Amino acid sequence: MRHGFAHAPFSPYTAPMAETLANPALLRLAERYVWWTKPDIVVATGLPRLVVSVMELGTWEDAHEMLDIVGAKMFIDVLKAPPPGVISSKSLAFWHNRLGLEGEPPKAGRRFS
């Protein structure tokens, strides 16, 4: 059992963010944006998936609440390797500029190659 999660694979986000796992706002966001999976499982094992879902679908308030909770580094990491078919080029460009990143924003990947 690593970092208190018997079923969770190691992630660079689980150890430093262990204190956020019980955060009611994070659980609420998980329930709203990754509704097909239990919020505690999303937070424990799929935090990058939650972040990208909020980046694409979130309200202004929810997106900035997520940014406050997980930090800009996680948003930037998601921008560097977004899952195909989950986030649009428009959202990628918005967050690229919103986070003050240099260069050309990434383009959305296709669902099928």
PDB file of N, CA and C in Angstrom:
ATOM      1  N   MET A   1       0.857  -1.171   0.000  1.00  0.00           N
ATOM      2  CA  MET A   1       0.000   0.000   0.000  1.00  0.00           C
ATOM      3  C   MET A   1       0.901   1.231   0.000  1.00  0.00           C
ATOM      4  N   ARG A   2       0.759   2.070  -1.003  1.00  0.00           N
ATOM      5  CA  ARG A   2       1.605   3.247  -1.138  1.00  0.00           C
ATOM      6  C   ARG A   2       0.754   4.497  -0.921  1.00  0.00           C
ATOM      7  N   HIS A   3       1.203   5.375  -0.051  1.00  0.00           N
ATOM      8  CA  HIS A   3       0.525   6.644   0.227  1.00  0.00           C
ATOM      9  C   HIS A   3      -0.917   6.451   0.675  1.00  0.00           C
ATOM     10  N   GLY A   4      -1.217   5.322   1.300  1.00  0.00           N
ATOM     11  CA  GLY A   4      -2.547   5.111   1.851  1.00  0.00           C
ATOM     12  C   GLY A   4      -3.597   4.636   0.858  1.00  0.00           C
ATOM     13  N   PHE A   5      -3.205   4.327  -0.384  1.00  0.00           N
ATOM     14  CA  PHE A   5      -4.167   3.893  -1.389  1.00  0.00           C
ATOM     15  C   PHE A   5      -3.827   2.477  -1.816  1.00  0.00           C
ATOM     16  N   ALA A   6      -4.617   1.532  -1.351  1.00  0.00           N
ATOM     17  CA  ALA A   6      -4.343   0.133  -1.657  1.00  0.00           C
ATOM     18  C   ALA A   6      -4.449  -0.157  -3.147  1.00  0.00           C
ATOM     19  N   HIS A   7      -5.352   0.501  -3.841  1.00  0.00           N
ATOM     20  CA  HIS A   7      -5.599   0.203  -5.242  1.00  0.00           C
ATOM     21  C   HIS A   7      -5.043   1.259  -6.191  1.00  0.00           C
ATOM     22  N   ALA A   8      -4.442   2.308  -5.672  1.00  0.00           N
ATOM     23  CA  ALA A   8      -4.006   3.419  -6.521  1.00  0.00           C
ATOM     24  C   ALA A   8      -2.564   3.234  -6.972  1.00  0.00           C
ATOM     25  N   PRO A   9      -2.302   3.367  -8.273  1.00  0.00           N
ATOM     26  CA  PRO A   9      -0.924   3.332  -8.738  1.00  0.00           C
ATOM     27  C   PRO A   9      -0.214   4.594  -8.287  1.00  0.00           C
ATOM     28  N   PHE A  10       1.117   4.532  -8.193  1.00  0.00           N
ATOM     29  CA  PHE A  10       1.851   5.719  -7.793  1.00  0.00           C
ATOM     30  C   PHE A  10       1.710   6.789  -8.857  1.00  0.00           C
ATOM     31  N   SER A  11       1.536   7.993  -8.410  1.00  0.00           N
ATOM     32  CA  SER A  11       1.456   9.154  -9.283  1.00  0.00           C
ATOM     33  C   SER A  11       2.232  10.272  -8.616  1.00  0.00           C
ATOM     34  N   PRO A  12       2.912  11.115  -9.389  1.00  0.00           N
ATOM     35  CA  PRO A  12       3.610  12.224  -8.756  1.00  0.00           C
ATOM     36  C   PRO A  12       2.652  13.170  -8.054  1.00  0.00           C
ATOM     37  N   TYR A  13       1.348  13.025  -8.307  1.00  0.00           N
ATOM     38  CA  TYR A  13       0.372  13.916  -7.694  1.00  0.00           C
ATOM     39  C   TYR A  13      -0.220  13.349  -6.416  1.00  0.00           C
ATOM     40  N   THR A  14      -0.050  12.067  -6.126  1.00  0.00           N
ATOM     41  CA  THR A  14      -0.686  11.501  -4.944  1.00  0.00           C
ATOM     42  C   THR A  14       0.076  11.844  -3.677  1.00  0.00           C
ATOM     43  N   ALA A  15       1.395  11.763  -3.677  1.00  0.00           N
ATOM     44  CA  ALA A  15       2.149  12.016  -2.456  1.00  0.00           C
ATOM     45  C   ALA A  15       2.054  13.472  -2.006  1.00  0.00           C
ATOM     46  N   PRO A  16       2.422  14.456  -2.834  1.00  0.00           N
ATOM     47  CA  PRO A  16       2.365  15.832  -2.356  1.00  0.00           C
ATOM     48  C   PRO A  16       0.951  16.346  -2.175  1.00  0.00           C
ATOM     49  N   MET A  17      -0.017  15.688  -2.760  1.00  0.00           N
ATOM     50  CA  MET A  17      -1.381  16.191  -2.688  1.00  0.00           C
ATOM     51  C   MET A  17      -2.263  15.356  -1.772  1.00  0.00           C
ATOM     52  N   ALA A  18      -1.657  14.525  -0.933  1.00  0.00           N
ATOM     53  CA  ALA A  18      -2.445  13.650  -0.077  1.00  0.00           C
ATOM     54  C   ALA A  18      -3.435  14.434   0.777  1.00  0.00           C
ATOM     55  N   GLU A  19      -3.026  15.625   1.218  1.00  0.00           N
ATOM     56  CA  GLU A  19      -3.917  16.426   2.060  1.00  0.00           C
ATOM     57  C   GLU A  19      -5.137  16.937   1.301  1.00  0.00           C
ATOM     58  N   THR A  20      -5.079  16.970  -0.019  1.00  0.00           N
ATOM     59  CA  THR A  20      -6.223  17.459  -0.789  1.00  0.00           C
ATOM     60  C   THR A  20      -7.276  16.381  -1.017  1.00  0.00           C
ATOM     61  N   LEU A  21      -6.946  15.125  -0.757  1.00  0.00           N
ATOM     62  CA  LEU A  21      -7.859  14.027  -1.086  1.00  0.00           C
ATOM     63  C   LEU A  21      -9.182  14.111  -0.342  1.00  0.00           C
ATOM     64  N   ALA A  22      -9.168  14.674   0.845  1.00  0.00           N
ATOM     65  CA  ALA A  22     -10.409  14.797   1.609  1.00  0.00           C
ATOM     66  C   ALA A  22     -11.063  16.156   1.386  1.00  0.00           C
ATOM     67  N   ASN A  23     -10.537  16.938   0.483  1.00  0.00           N
ATOM     68  CA  ASN A  23     -11.058  18.271   0.211  1.00  0.00           C
ATOM     69  C   ASN A  23     -12.471  18.146  -0.369  1.00  0.00           C
ATOM     70  N   PRO A  24     -13.475  18.675   0.322  1.00  0.00           N
ATOM     71  CA  PRO A  24     -14.854  18.562  -0.165  1.00  0.00           C
ATOM     72  C   PRO A  24     -15.059  19.198  -1.540  1.00  0.00           C
ATOM     73  N   ALA A  25     -14.364  20.303  -1.816  1.00  0.00           N
ATOM     74  CA  ALA A  25     -14.502  20.954  -3.123  1.00  0.00           C
ATOM     75  C   ALA A  25     -13.976  20.052  -4.232  1.00  0.00           C
ATOM     76  N   LEU A  26     -12.871  19.373  -3.984  1.00  0.00           N
ATOM     77  CA  LEU A  26     -12.298  18.474  -4.987  1.00  0.00           C
ATOM     78  C   LEU A  26     -13.225  17.287  -5.242  1.00  0.00           C
ATOM     79  N   LEU A  27     -13.788  16.749  -4.197  1.00  0.00           N
ATOM     80  CA  LEU A  27     -14.745  15.644  -4.348  1.00  0.00           C
ATOM     81  C   LEU A  27     -15.987  16.103  -5.105  1.00  0.00           C
ATOM     82  N   ARG A  28     -16.448  17.327  -4.841  1.00  0.00           N
ATOM     83  CA  ARG A  28     -17.599  17.873  -5.558  1.00  0.00           C
ATOM     84  C   ARG A  28     -17.281  18.037  -7.038  1.00  0.00           C
ATOM     85  N   LEU A  29     -16.090  18.537  -7.350  1.00  0.00           N
ATOM     86  CA  LEU A  29     -15.690  18.690  -8.750  1.00  0.00           C
ATOM     87  C   LEU A  29     -15.583  17.331  -9.435  1.00  0.00           C
ATOM     88  N   ALA A  30     -15.050  16.347  -8.727  1.00  0.00           N
ATOM     89  CA  ALA A  30     -14.950  14.993  -9.288  1.00  0.00           C
ATOM     90  C   ALA A  30     -16.329  14.430  -9.587  1.00  0.00           C
ATOM     91  N   GLU A  31     -17.251  14.636  -8.682  1.00  0.00           N
ATOM     92  CA  GLU A  31     -18.619  14.142  -8.897  1.00  0.00           C
ATOM     93  C   GLU A  31     -19.278  14.829 -10.090  1.00  0.00           C
ATOM     94  N   ARG A  32     -18.991  16.105 -10.272  1.00  0.00           N
ATOM     95  CA  ARG A  32     -19.617  16.868 -11.348  1.00  0.00           C
ATOM     96  C   ARG A  32     -18.998  16.575 -12.719  1.00  0.00           C
ATOM     97  N   TYR A  33     -17.672  16.448 -12.795  1.00  0.00           N
ATOM     98  CA  TYR A  33     -17.004  16.376 -14.096  1.00  0.00           C
ATOM     99  C   TYR A  33     -16.545  14.981 -14.513  1.00  0.00           C
ATOM    100  N   VAL A  34     -16.476  14.042 -13.593  1.00  0.00           N
ATOM    101  CA  VAL A  34     -16.167  12.646 -13.940  1.00  0.00           C
ATOM    102  C   VAL A  34     -17.220  11.799 -13.224  1.00  0.00           C
ATOM    103  N   TRP A  35     -18.470  12.029 -13.597  1.00  0.00           N
ATOM    104  CA  TRP A  35     -19.627  11.467 -12.913  1.00  0.00           C
ATOM    105  C   TRP A  35     -19.721   9.949 -12.997  1.00  0.00           C
ATOM    106  N   TRP A  36     -19.055   9.337 -13.943  1.00  0.00           N
ATOM    107  CA  TRP A  36     -19.178   7.891 -14.136  1.00  0.00           C
ATOM    108  C   TRP A  36     -18.281   7.085 -13.197  1.00  0.00           C
ATOM    109  N   THR A  37     -17.464   7.768 -12.390  1.00  0.00           N
ATOM    110  CA  THR A  37     -16.582   7.099 -11.433  1.00  0.00           C
ATOM    111  C   THR A  37     -16.781   7.749 -10.065  1.00  0.00           C
ATOM    112  N   LYS A  38     -16.680   6.956  -9.007  1.00  0.00           N
ATOM    113  CA  LYS A  38     -16.843   7.489  -7.657  1.00  0.00           C
ATOM    114  C   LYS A  38     -15.818   8.600  -7.415  1.00  0.00           C
ATOM    115  N   PRO A  39     -16.249   9.702  -6.811  1.00  0.00           N
ATOM    116  CA  PRO A  39     -15.346  10.837  -6.610  1.00  0.00           C
ATOM    117  C   PRO A  39     -14.058  10.501  -5.865  1.00  0.00           C
ATOM    118  N   ASP A  40     -14.135   9.663  -4.829  1.00  0.00           N
ATOM    119  CA  ASP A  40     -12.915   9.337  -4.086  1.00  0.00           C
ATOM    120  C   ASP A  40     -11.924   8.561  -4.942  1.00  0.00           C
ATOM    121  N   ILE A  41     -12.410   7.750  -5.869  1.00  0.00           N
ATOM    122  CA  ILE A  41     -11.522   7.019  -6.775  1.00  0.00           C
ATOM    123  C   ILE A  41     -10.904   7.971  -7.792  1.00  0.00           C
ATOM    124  N   VAL A  42     -11.701   8.903  -8.303  1.00  0.00           N
ATOM    125  CA  VAL A  42     -11.185   9.896  -9.251  1.00  0.00           C
ATOM    126  C   VAL A  42     -10.064  10.698  -8.600  1.00  0.00           C
ATOM    127  N   VAL A  43     -10.301  11.150  -7.388  1.00  0.00           N
ATOM    128  CA  VAL A  43      -9.314  11.972  -6.695  1.00  0.00           C
ATOM    129  C   VAL A  43      -8.057  11.165  -6.375  1.00  0.00           C
ATOM    130  N   ALA A  44      -8.226   9.905  -6.003  1.00  0.00           N
ATOM    131  CA  ALA A  44      -7.078   9.075  -5.625  1.00  0.00           C
ATOM    132  C   ALA A  44      -6.264   8.585  -6.815  1.00  0.00           C
ATOM    133  N   THR A  45      -6.926   8.307  -7.944  1.00  0.00           N
ATOM    134  CA  THR A  45      -6.206   7.663  -9.049  1.00  0.00           C
ATOM    135  C   THR A  45      -6.279   8.402 -10.372  1.00  0.00           C
ATOM    136  N   GLY A  46      -7.197   9.339 -10.500  1.00  0.00           N
ATOM    137  CA  GLY A  46      -7.391   9.968 -11.798  1.00  0.00           C
ATOM    138  C   GLY A  46      -7.415  11.482 -11.755  1.00  0.00           C
ATOM    139  N   LEU A  47      -6.609  12.067 -10.880  1.00  0.00           N
ATOM    140  CA  LEU A  47      -6.622  13.511 -10.740  1.00  0.00           C
ATOM    141  C   LEU A  47      -6.295  14.247 -12.038  1.00  0.00           C
ATOM    142  N   PRO A  48      -5.300  13.812 -12.830  1.00  0.00           N
ATOM    143  CA  PRO A  48      -5.078  14.493 -14.112  1.00  0.00           C
ATOM    144  C   PRO A  48      -6.300  14.425 -15.032  1.00  0.00           C
ATOM    145  N   ARG A  49      -7.038  13.329 -14.999  1.00  0.00           N
ATOM    146  CA  ARG A  49      -8.251  13.201 -15.818  1.00  0.00           C
ATOM    147  C   ARG A  49      -9.305  14.204 -15.358  1.00  0.00           C
ATOM    148  N   LEU A  50      -9.411  14.381 -14.046  1.00  0.00           N
ATOM    149  CA  LEU A  50     -10.339  15.369 -13.511  1.00  0.00           C
ATOM    150  C   LEU A  50      -9.922  16.773 -13.933  1.00  0.00           C
ATOM    151  N   VAL A  51      -8.639  17.062 -13.834  1.00  0.00           N
ATOM    152  CA  VAL A  51      -8.145  18.388 -14.204  1.00  0.00           C
ATOM    153  C   VAL A  51      -8.472  18.689 -15.664  1.00  0.00           C
ATOM    154  N   VAL A  52      -8.193  17.758 -16.563  1.00  0.00           N
ATOM    155  CA  VAL A  52      -8.452  18.007 -17.980  1.00  0.00           C
ATOM    156  C   VAL A  52      -9.954  18.150 -18.245  1.00  0.00           C
ATOM    157  N   SER A  53     -10.772  17.420 -17.534  1.00  0.00           N
ATOM    158  CA  SER A  53     -12.225  17.553 -17.702  1.00  0.00           C
ATOM    159  C   SER A  53     -12.701  18.927 -17.252  1.00  0.00           C
ATOM    160  N   VAL A  54     -12.163  19.421 -16.149  1.00  0.00           N
ATOM    161  CA  VAL A  54     -12.532  20.751 -15.670  1.00  0.00           C
ATOM    162  C   VAL A  54     -11.987  21.821 -16.611  1.00  0.00           C
ATOM    163  N   MET A  55     -10.792  21.611 -17.154  1.00  0.00           N
ATOM    164  CA  MET A  55     -10.226  22.567 -18.112  1.00  0.00           C
ATOM    165  C   MET A  55     -11.117  22.678 -19.349  1.00  0.00           C
ATOM    166  N   GLU A  56     -11.701  21.582 -19.771  1.00  0.00           N
ATOM    167  CA  GLU A  56     -12.536  21.578 -20.979  1.00  0.00           C
ATOM    168  C   GLU A  56     -13.982  21.981 -20.694  1.00  0.00           C
ATOM    169  N   LEU A  57     -14.579  21.442 -19.645  1.00  0.00           N
ATOM    170  CA  LEU A  57     -16.015  21.591 -19.413  1.00  0.00           C
ATOM    171  C   LEU A  57     -16.381  22.530 -18.269  1.00  0.00           C
ATOM    172  N   GLY A  58     -15.405  22.886 -17.455  1.00  0.00           N
ATOM    173  CA  GLY A  58     -15.691  23.601 -16.225  1.00  0.00           C
ATOM    174  C   GLY A  58     -16.176  25.025 -16.396  1.00  0.00           C
ATOM    175  N   THR A  59     -16.957  25.451 -15.421  1.00  0.00           N
ATOM    176  CA  THR A  59     -17.319  26.858 -15.354  1.00  0.00           C
ATOM    177  C   THR A  59     -16.072  27.641 -14.955  1.00  0.00           C
ATOM    178  N   TRP A  60     -16.131  28.947 -15.143  1.00  0.00           N
ATOM    179  CA  TRP A  60     -15.007  29.803 -14.756  1.00  0.00           C
ATOM    180  C   TRP A  60     -14.668  29.594 -13.278  1.00  0.00           C
ATOM    181  N   GLU A  61     -15.690  29.553 -12.431  1.00  0.00           N
ATOM    182  CA  GLU A  61     -15.485  29.388 -10.996  1.00  0.00           C
ATOM    183  C   GLU A  61     -14.887  28.024 -10.667  1.00  0.00           C
ATOM    184  N   ASP A  62     -15.430  26.958 -11.276  1.00  0.00           N
ATOM    185  CA  ASP A  62     -14.918  25.612 -11.003  1.00  0.00           C
ATOM    186  C   ASP A  62     -13.481  25.464 -11.481  1.00  0.00           C
ATOM    187  N   ALA A  63     -13.169  25.996 -12.647  1.00  0.00           N
ATOM    188  CA  ALA A  63     -11.813  25.879 -13.186  1.00  0.00           C
ATOM    189  C   ALA A  63     -10.814  26.597 -12.285  1.00  0.00           C
ATOM    190  N   HIS A  64     -11.168  27.754 -11.800  1.00  0.00           N
ATOM    191  CA  HIS A  64     -10.243  28.483 -10.936  1.00  0.00           C
ATOM    192  C   HIS A  64     -10.180  27.888  -9.530  1.00  0.00           C
ATOM    193  N   GLU A  65     -11.259  27.282  -9.082  1.00  0.00           N
ATOM    194  CA  GLU A  65     -11.209  26.553  -7.821  1.00  0.00           C
ATOM    195  C   GLU A  65     -10.260  25.360  -7.949  1.00  0.00           C
ATOM    196  N   MET A  66     -10.353  24.639  -9.068  1.00  0.00           N
ATOM    197  CA  MET A  66      -9.452  23.512  -9.312  1.00  0.00           C
ATOM    198  C   MET A  66      -8.002  23.998  -9.370  1.00  0.00           C
ATOM    199  N   LEU A  67      -7.770  25.088 -10.063  1.00  0.00           N
ATOM    200  CA  LEU A  67      -6.426  25.654 -10.164  1.00  0.00           C
ATOM    201  C   LEU A  67      -5.888  26.016  -8.788  1.00  0.00           C
ATOM    202  N   ASP A  68      -6.714  26.586  -7.933  1.00  0.00           N
ATOM    203  CA  ASP A  68      -6.296  26.918  -6.569  1.00  0.00           C
ATOM    204  C   ASP A  68      -5.963  25.664  -5.760  1.00  0.00           C
ATOM    205  N   ILE A  69      -6.725  24.599  -5.966  1.00  0.00           N
ATOM    206  CA  ILE A  69      -6.531  23.376  -5.190  1.00  0.00           C
ATOM    207  C   ILE A  69      -5.278  22.617  -5.635  1.00  0.00           C
ATOM    208  N   VAL A  70      -5.138  22.379  -6.940  1.00  0.00           N
ATOM    209  CA  VAL A  70      -4.047  21.508  -7.417  1.00  0.00           C
ATOM    210  C   VAL A  70      -2.813  22.269  -7.872  1.00  0.00           C
ATOM    211  N   GLY A  71      -2.955  23.542  -8.184  1.00  0.00           N
ATOM    212  CA  GLY A  71      -1.817  24.352  -8.586  1.00  0.00           C
ATOM    213  C   GLY A  71      -1.581  24.368 -10.086  1.00  0.00           C
ATOM    214  N   ALA A  72      -0.863  25.385 -10.503  1.00  0.00           N
ATOM    215  CA  ALA A  72      -0.592  25.590 -11.928  1.00  0.00           C
ATOM    216  C   ALA A  72       0.269  24.478 -12.516  1.00  0.00           C
ATOM    217  N   LYS A  73       1.164  23.878 -11.719  1.00  0.00           N
ATOM    218  CA  LYS A  73       2.047  22.835 -12.256  1.00  0.00           C
ATOM    219  C   LYS A  73       1.244  21.678 -12.832  1.00  0.00           C
ATOM    220  N   MET A  74       0.197  21.262 -12.142  1.00  0.00           N
ATOM    221  CA  MET A  74      -0.604  20.151 -12.657  1.00  0.00           C
ATOM    222  C   MET A  74      -1.324  20.555 -13.942  1.00  0.00           C
ATOM    223  N   PHE A  75      -1.841  21.767 -14.004  1.00  0.00           N
ATOM    224  CA  PHE A  75      -2.484  22.237 -15.232  1.00  0.00           C
ATOM    225  C   PHE A  75      -1.477  22.229 -16.381  1.00  0.00           C
ATOM    226  N   ILE A  76      -0.266  22.692 -16.123  1.00  0.00           N
ATOM    227  CA  ILE A  76       0.776  22.729 -17.150  1.00  0.00           C
ATOM    228  C   ILE A  76       1.141  21.314 -17.586  1.00  0.00           C
ATOM    229  N   ASP A  77       1.254  20.384 -16.637  1.00  0.00           N
ATOM    230  CA  ASP A  77       1.560  18.993 -16.976  1.00  0.00           C
ATOM    231  C   ASP A  77       0.473  18.396 -17.870  1.00  0.00           C
ATOM    232  N   VAL A  78      -0.782  18.716 -17.587  1.00  0.00           N
ATOM    233  CA  VAL A  78      -1.886  18.227 -18.418  1.00  0.00           C
ATOM    234  C   VAL A  78      -1.785  18.829 -19.822  1.00  0.00           C
ATOM    235  N   LEU A  79      -1.431  20.106 -19.909  1.00  0.00           N
ATOM    236  CA  LEU A  79      -1.275  20.754 -21.219  1.00  0.00           C
ATOM    237  C   LEU A  79      -0.165  20.116 -22.040  1.00  0.00           C
ATOM    238  N   LYS A  80       0.888  19.661 -21.382  1.00  0.00           N
ATOM    239  CA  LYS A  80       2.022  19.057 -22.093  1.00  0.00           C
ATOM    240  C   LYS A  80       1.659  17.707 -22.707  1.00  0.00           C
ATOM    241  N   ALA A  81       0.745  16.992 -22.087  1.00  0.00           N
ATOM    242  CA  ALA A  81       0.375  15.659 -22.582  1.00  0.00           C
ATOM    243  C   ALA A  81      -1.118  15.418 -22.391  1.00  0.00           C
ATOM    244  N   PRO A  82      -1.957  16.175 -23.101  1.00  0.00           N
ATOM    245  CA  PRO A  82      -3.400  15.983 -22.921  1.00  0.00           C
ATOM    246  C   PRO A  82      -3.859  14.662 -23.535  1.00  0.00           C
ATOM    247  N   PRO A  83      -4.812  14.000 -22.886  1.00  0.00           N
ATOM    248  CA  PRO A  83      -5.333  12.769 -23.472  1.00  0.00           C
ATOM    249  C   PRO A  83      -6.079  13.078 -24.768  1.00  0.00           C
ATOM    250  N   PRO A  84      -5.930  12.237 -25.781  1.00  0.00           N
ATOM    251  CA  PRO A  84      -6.618  12.488 -27.050  1.00  0.00           C
ATOM    252  C   PRO A  84      -8.135  12.464 -26.894  1.00  0.00           C
ATOM    253  N   GLY A  85      -8.784  13.401 -27.558  1.00  0.00           N
ATOM    254  CA  GLY A  85     -10.237  13.414 -27.597  1.00  0.00           C
ATOM    255  C   GLY A  85     -10.925  13.957 -26.376  1.00  0.00           C
ATOM    256  N   VAL A  86     -10.175  14.450 -25.387  1.00  0.00           N
ATOM    257  CA  VAL A  86     -10.793  14.918 -24.150  1.00  0.00           C
ATOM    258  C   VAL A  86     -10.862  16.439 -24.084  1.00  0.00           C
ATOM    259  N   ILE A  87      -9.887  17.111 -24.663  1.00  0.00           N
ATOM    260  CA  ILE A  87      -9.836  18.561 -24.574  1.00  0.00           C
ATOM    261  C   ILE A  87      -9.670  19.150 -25.975  1.00  0.00           C
ATOM    262  N   SER A  88     -10.353  20.225 -26.239  1.00  0.00           N
ATOM    263  CA  SER A  88     -10.327  20.848 -27.562  1.00  0.00           C
ATOM    264  C   SER A  88      -9.105  21.747 -27.730  1.00  0.00           C
ATOM    265  N   SER A  89      -8.780  22.023 -28.976  1.00  0.00           N
ATOM    266  CA  SER A  89      -7.689  22.953 -29.278  1.00  0.00           C
ATOM    267  C   SER A  89      -7.986  24.329 -28.696  1.00  0.00           C
ATOM    268  N   LYS A  90      -9.242  24.722 -28.713  1.00  0.00           N
ATOM    269  CA  LYS A  90      -9.641  26.016 -28.161  1.00  0.00           C
ATOM    270  C   LYS A  90      -9.333  26.095 -26.659  1.00  0.00           C
ATOM    271  N   SER A  91      -9.670  25.053 -25.922  1.00  0.00           N
ATOM    272  CA  SER A  91      -9.383  25.027 -24.487  1.00  0.00           C
ATOM    273  C   SER A  91      -7.888  24.949 -24.224  1.00  0.00           C
ATOM    274  N   LEU A  92      -7.183  24.166 -25.024  1.00  0.00           N
ATOM    275  CA  LEU A  92      -5.726  24.095 -24.882  1.00  0.00           C
ATOM    276  C   LEU A  92      -5.097  25.471 -25.077  1.00  0.00           C
ATOM    277  N   ALA A  93      -5.539  26.192 -26.090  1.00  0.00           N
ATOM    278  CA  ALA A  93      -5.000  27.532 -26.357  1.00  0.00           C
ATOM    279  C   ALA A  93      -5.350  28.491 -25.218  1.00  0.00           C
ATOM    280  N   PHE A  94      -6.590  28.421 -24.729  1.00  0.00           N
ATOM    281  CA  PHE A  94      -6.989  29.290 -23.626  1.00  0.00           C
ATOM    282  C   PHE A  94      -6.097  29.074 -22.415  1.00  0.00           C
ATOM    283  N   TRP A  95      -5.964  27.813 -21.985  1.00  0.00           N
ATOM    284  CA  TRP A  95      -5.183  27.529 -20.778  1.00  0.00           C
ATOM    285  C   TRP A  95      -3.698  27.791 -20.991  1.00  0.00           C
ATOM    286  N   HIS A  96      -3.204  27.562 -22.173  1.00  0.00           N
ATOM    287  CA  HIS A  96      -1.808  27.867 -22.499  1.00  0.00           C
ATOM    288  C   HIS A  96      -1.550  29.360 -22.242  1.00  0.00           C
ATOM    289  N   ASN A  97      -2.442  30.190 -22.752  1.00  0.00           N
ATOM    290  CA  ASN A  97      -2.293  31.639 -22.572  1.00  0.00           C
ATOM    291  C   ASN A  97      -2.606  32.067 -21.143  1.00  0.00           C
ATOM    292  N   ARG A  98      -3.641  31.492 -20.539  1.00  0.00           N
ATOM    293  CA  ARG A  98      -4.037  31.836 -19.172  1.00  0.00           C
ATOM    294  C   ARG A  98      -2.925  31.540 -18.174  1.00  0.00           C
ATOM    295  N   LEU A  99      -2.167  30.474 -18.417  1.00  0.00           N
ATOM    296  CA  LEU A  99      -1.076  30.091 -17.524  1.00  0.00           C
ATOM    297  C   LEU A  99       0.241  30.790 -17.881  1.00  0.00           C
ATOM    298  N   GLY A 100       0.204  31.634 -18.912  1.00  0.00           N
ATOM    299  CA  GLY A 100       1.379  32.427 -19.276  1.00  0.00           C
ATOM    300  C   GLY A 100       2.499  31.626 -19.911  1.00  0.00           C
ATOM    301  N   LEU A 101       2.164  30.562 -20.626  1.00  0.00           N
ATOM    302  CA  LEU A 101       3.186  29.724 -21.243  1.00  0.00           C
ATOM    303  C   LEU A 101       3.669  30.348 -22.546  1.00  0.00           C
ATOM    304  N   GLU A 102       4.919  30.128 -22.840  1.00  0.00           N
ATOM    305  CA  GLU A 102       5.546  30.669 -24.046  1.00  0.00           C
ATOM    306  C   GLU A 102       5.276  29.769 -25.242  1.00  0.00           C
ATOM    307  N   GLY A 103       5.427  30.334 -26.421  1.00  0.00           N
ATOM    308  CA  GLY A 103       5.353  29.552 -27.653  1.00  0.00           C
ATOM    309  C   GLY A 103       3.941  29.261 -28.103  1.00  0.00           C
ATOM    310  N   GLU A 104       3.881  28.404 -29.090  1.00  0.00           N
ATOM    311  CA  GLU A 104       2.615  28.014 -29.717  1.00  0.00           C
ATOM    312  C   GLU A 104       1.851  27.052 -28.809  1.00  0.00           C
ATOM    313  N   PRO A 105       0.541  27.277 -28.616  1.00  0.00           N
ATOM    314  CA  PRO A 105      -0.244  26.337 -27.806  1.00  0.00           C
ATOM    315  C   PRO A 105      -0.337  24.970 -28.497  1.00  0.00           C
ATOM    316  N   PRO A 106      -0.459  23.912 -27.709  1.00  0.00           N
ATOM    317  CA  PRO A 106      -0.597  22.586 -28.304  1.00  0.00           C
ATOM    318  C   PRO A 106      -1.934  22.448 -29.027  1.00  0.00           C
ATOM    319  N   LYS A 107      -2.000  21.537 -29.942  1.00  0.00           N
ATOM    320  CA  LYS A 107      -3.246  21.219 -30.650  1.00  0.00           C
ATOM    321  C   LYS A 107      -3.838  19.957 -30.046  1.00  0.00           C
ATOM    322  N   ALA A 108      -5.140  19.874 -30.088  1.00  0.00           N
ATOM    323  CA  ALA A 108      -5.831  18.698 -29.551  1.00  0.00           C
ATOM    324  C   ALA A 108      -5.509  17.482 -30.401  1.00  0.00           C
ATOM    325  N   GLY A 109      -5.327  16.344 -29.732  1.00  0.00           N
ATOM    326  CA  GLY A 109      -5.098  15.080 -30.423  1.00  0.00           C
ATOM    327  C   GLY A 109      -6.407  14.485 -30.863  1.00  0.00           C
ATOM    328  N   ARG A 110      -6.323  13.638 -31.866  1.00  0.00           N
ATOM    329  CA  ARG A 110      -7.524  12.949 -32.341  1.00  0.00           C
ATOM    330  C   ARG A 110      -7.782  11.732 -31.483  1.00  0.00           C
ATOM    331  N   ARG A 111      -9.030  11.328 -31.449  1.00  0.00           N
ATOM    332  CA  ARG A 111      -9.423  10.155 -30.668  1.00  0.00           C
ATOM    333  C   ARG A 111      -8.832   8.885 -31.272  1.00  0.00           C
ATOM    334  N   PHE A 112      -8.796   8.804 -32.612  1.00  0.00           N
ATOM    335  CA  PHE A 112      -8.270   7.618 -33.290  1.00  0.00           C
ATOM    336  C   PHE A 112      -7.163   8.074 -34.232  1.00  0.00           C
ATOM    337  N   SER A 113      -6.106   7.294 -34.333  1.00  0.00           N
ATOM    338  CA  SER A 113      -5.005   7.646 -35.233  1.00  0.00           C
ATOM    339  C   SER A 113      -5.163   6.937 -36.552  1.00  0.00           C
TER     340      SER A 113
END
